[in-house]
Protein backbone atom coordinates (compact mmCIF):
# COMPACT_ATOMS: atom_id res chain seq x y z
CA UNK A 1 14.70 -15.90 -17.55
CA UNK A 2 15.79 -13.40 -15.03
CA UNK A 3 15.51 -14.44 -11.31
CA UNK A 4 12.42 -12.04 -10.59
CA UNK A 5 10.78 -14.16 -13.02
CA UNK A 6 11.88 -17.66 -11.85
CA UNK A 7 10.58 -16.30 -8.20
CA UNK A 8 7.13 -14.75 -9.83
CA UNK A 9 6.78 -18.65 -11.68
CA UNK A 10 7.19 -20.55 -8.65
CA UNK A 11 4.79 -18.59 -7.06
CA UNK A 12 1.89 -18.46 -9.48
CA UNK A 13 2.53 -22.25 -9.59
CA UNK A 14 2.32 -22.22 -5.83
CA UNK A 15 -0.88 -20.70 -5.71
CA UNK A 16 -2.55 -23.06 -8.59
CA UNK A 17 -1.46 -25.85 -6.55
CA UNK A 18 -3.07 -24.64 -3.44
CA UNK A 19 -6.22 -24.26 -5.36
CA UNK A 20 -6.19 -27.23 -7.24
CA UNK A 21 -4.90 -30.02 -4.76
CA UNK A 22 -7.86 -29.48 -2.41
CA UNK A 23 -10.32 -30.14 -5.51
CA UNK A 24 -8.01 -32.93 -6.88
CA UNK A 25 -7.93 -34.70 -4.01
CA UNK A 26 -11.37 -34.80 -2.94
CA UNK A 27 -11.25 -32.62 0.61
CA UNK A 28 -14.74 -31.78 1.63
CA UNK A 29 -16.50 -34.77 0.03
CA UNK A 30 -17.95 -35.98 3.33
CA UNK A 31 -19.39 -32.50 4.28
CA UNK A 32 -23.15 -31.33 3.24
CA UNK A 33 -20.98 -27.61 2.34
CA UNK A 34 -17.25 -28.70 1.36
CA UNK A 35 -16.32 -25.29 1.34
CA UNK A 36 -18.26 -23.73 4.02
CA UNK A 37 -16.85 -20.58 6.04
CA UNK A 38 -15.00 -20.85 9.60
CA UNK A 39 -18.24 -19.33 10.84
CA UNK A 40 -20.31 -22.33 10.26
CA UNK A 41 -17.87 -24.85 11.44
CA UNK A 42 -17.63 -22.86 14.59
CA UNK A 43 -21.10 -22.94 14.89
CA UNK A 44 -21.28 -26.56 14.15
CA UNK A 45 -18.72 -27.43 16.68
CA UNK A 46 -20.01 -25.36 19.21
CA UNK A 47 -23.54 -26.65 19.33
CA UNK A 48 -22.17 -30.13 19.41
CA UNK A 49 -20.32 -29.70 22.66
CA UNK A 50 -23.21 -27.25 24.31
CA UNK A 51 -26.65 -27.67 22.71
CA UNK A 52 -28.24 -24.82 24.74
CA UNK A 53 -25.72 -22.44 24.01
CA UNK A 54 -26.70 -18.84 23.21
CA UNK A 55 -24.56 -16.51 21.09
CA UNK A 56 -24.03 -12.99 22.98
CA UNK A 57 -24.56 -10.82 19.69
CA UNK A 58 -26.66 -11.06 16.79
CA UNK A 59 -25.11 -9.77 13.58
CA UNK A 60 -26.02 -5.93 12.59
CA UNK A 61 -27.36 -7.09 9.37
CA UNK A 62 -28.24 -10.35 8.09
CA UNK A 63 -28.27 -10.29 4.01
CA UNK A 64 -31.27 -12.34 2.88
CA UNK A 65 -29.79 -14.97 0.84
CA UNK A 66 -26.47 -16.46 0.36
CA UNK A 67 -25.88 -14.88 -2.72
CA UNK A 68 -26.16 -11.66 -1.64
CA UNK A 69 -23.72 -12.44 1.24
CA UNK A 70 -21.06 -13.89 -1.53
CA UNK A 71 -21.64 -10.72 -3.13
CA UNK A 72 -20.96 -8.44 -0.50
CA UNK A 73 -17.90 -10.17 0.65
CA UNK A 74 -16.73 -10.12 -3.03
CA UNK A 75 -17.02 -6.23 -2.48
CA UNK A 76 -15.37 -5.91 0.34
CA UNK A 77 -12.17 -7.84 -1.29
CA UNK A 78 -12.12 -6.06 -4.10
CA UNK A 79 -12.08 -2.38 -2.06
CA UNK A 80 -9.48 -3.83 -0.29
CA UNK A 81 -7.37 -4.87 -3.23
CA UNK A 82 -7.73 -1.52 -4.50
CA UNK A 83 -6.28 0.11 -1.34
CA UNK A 84 -3.32 -2.56 -1.26
CA UNK A 85 -2.83 -1.56 -5.17
CA UNK A 86 -3.27 2.32 -4.72
CA UNK A 87 -0.84 2.33 -1.86
CA UNK A 88 1.67 -0.21 -3.25
CA UNK A 89 1.78 1.75 -6.59
CA UNK A 90 2.20 5.13 -5.11
CA UNK A 91 5.51 3.51 -3.18
CA UNK A 92 6.64 2.56 -6.34
CA UNK A 93 6.11 5.64 -7.91
CA UNK A 94 7.51 7.40 -5.37
CA UNK A 95 10.99 5.36 -5.50
CA UNK A 96 10.90 5.59 -9.29
CA UNK A 97 10.45 9.26 -8.89
CA UNK A 98 13.06 9.40 -6.32
CA UNK A 99 15.56 7.34 -8.37
CA UNK A 100 15.17 9.37 -11.65
CA UNK A 101 15.84 12.50 -9.35
CA UNK A 102 19.58 10.74 -8.20
CA UNK A 103 19.89 10.03 -11.94
CA UNK A 104 19.43 13.56 -13.29
CA UNK A 105 21.51 15.00 -10.21
CA UNK A 106 24.34 12.53 -11.07
CA UNK A 107 24.36 13.37 -14.68
CA UNK A 108 24.36 17.24 -13.99
CA UNK A 109 20.59 17.92 -15.29
CA UNK A 110 19.07 20.29 -12.90
CA UNK A 111 16.31 19.53 -11.06
CA UNK A 112 12.93 21.41 -10.42
CA UNK A 113 14.29 21.94 -6.92
CA UNK A 114 17.79 22.68 -7.65
CA UNK A 115 16.12 25.52 -10.45
CA UNK A 116 14.20 27.08 -7.63
CA UNK A 117 17.20 27.07 -5.08
CA UNK A 118 19.14 28.70 -7.99
CA UNK A 119 16.61 31.36 -8.56
CA UNK A 120 16.26 32.32 -4.69
CA UNK A 121 20.01 32.67 -4.61
CA UNK A 122 20.65 29.63 -2.41
CA UNK A 123 22.74 27.33 -5.00
CA UNK A 124 25.36 28.72 -7.15
CA UNK A 125 24.93 27.39 -11.02
CA UNK A 126 27.49 24.50 -10.40
CA UNK A 127 25.26 22.99 -8.38
CA UNK A 128 27.04 24.02 -4.82
CA UNK A 129 25.53 26.09 -1.88
CA UNK A 130 26.64 29.87 -2.14
CA UNK A 131 26.44 30.15 1.61
CA UNK A 132 28.40 28.33 3.89
CA UNK A 133 27.43 26.66 7.07
CA UNK A 134 23.70 27.58 8.08
CA UNK A 135 21.65 27.97 5.07
CA UNK A 136 19.04 29.62 7.04
CA UNK A 137 20.52 32.31 8.35
CA UNK A 138 19.96 35.83 7.17
CA UNK A 139 22.30 38.89 7.16
CA UNK A 140 21.22 42.46 8.07
CA UNK A 141 20.60 43.55 4.66
CA UNK A 142 17.97 40.60 4.17
CA UNK A 143 16.19 41.20 7.55
CA UNK A 144 16.13 44.79 6.59
CA UNK A 145 14.63 44.27 3.43
CA UNK A 146 12.41 41.51 4.21
CA UNK A 147 8.54 41.22 3.92
CA UNK A 148 7.81 43.50 7.12
CA UNK A 149 9.74 46.16 5.09
CA UNK A 150 12.75 46.66 7.25
CA UNK A 151 10.60 47.35 10.47
CA UNK A 152 11.02 44.26 12.15
């Protein structure tokens, strides 16, 4: 088993333990709703401290039932997970593409960028740059025969 596989297995077991241990130990059994959210817990604590407390704001939208609220939360979590998965997949794909390009360069296989440079006269067939120094410098003949027809 590789080092990464061992780490992944250990992390998976740790996550499973975090989910199972509270249930196995009966944490929250003394509560009416053992797994209520932090908002409900905070509201209970505040009303115990100050029974006359009035909230400063009210929710913009309050779902008609707890099931709808849970469904909206699940949709929000799924969208967030999708955005994160897209981002990490994109980064991994870019890294793999860059690694493949480096491997091709080392192996002498011409990359599409190298082919374009060679066709434009910026790279010799052996892979070296034909122009020494500033690759962006143009001589007088190139300036005269440029896109403006030599009028510039």
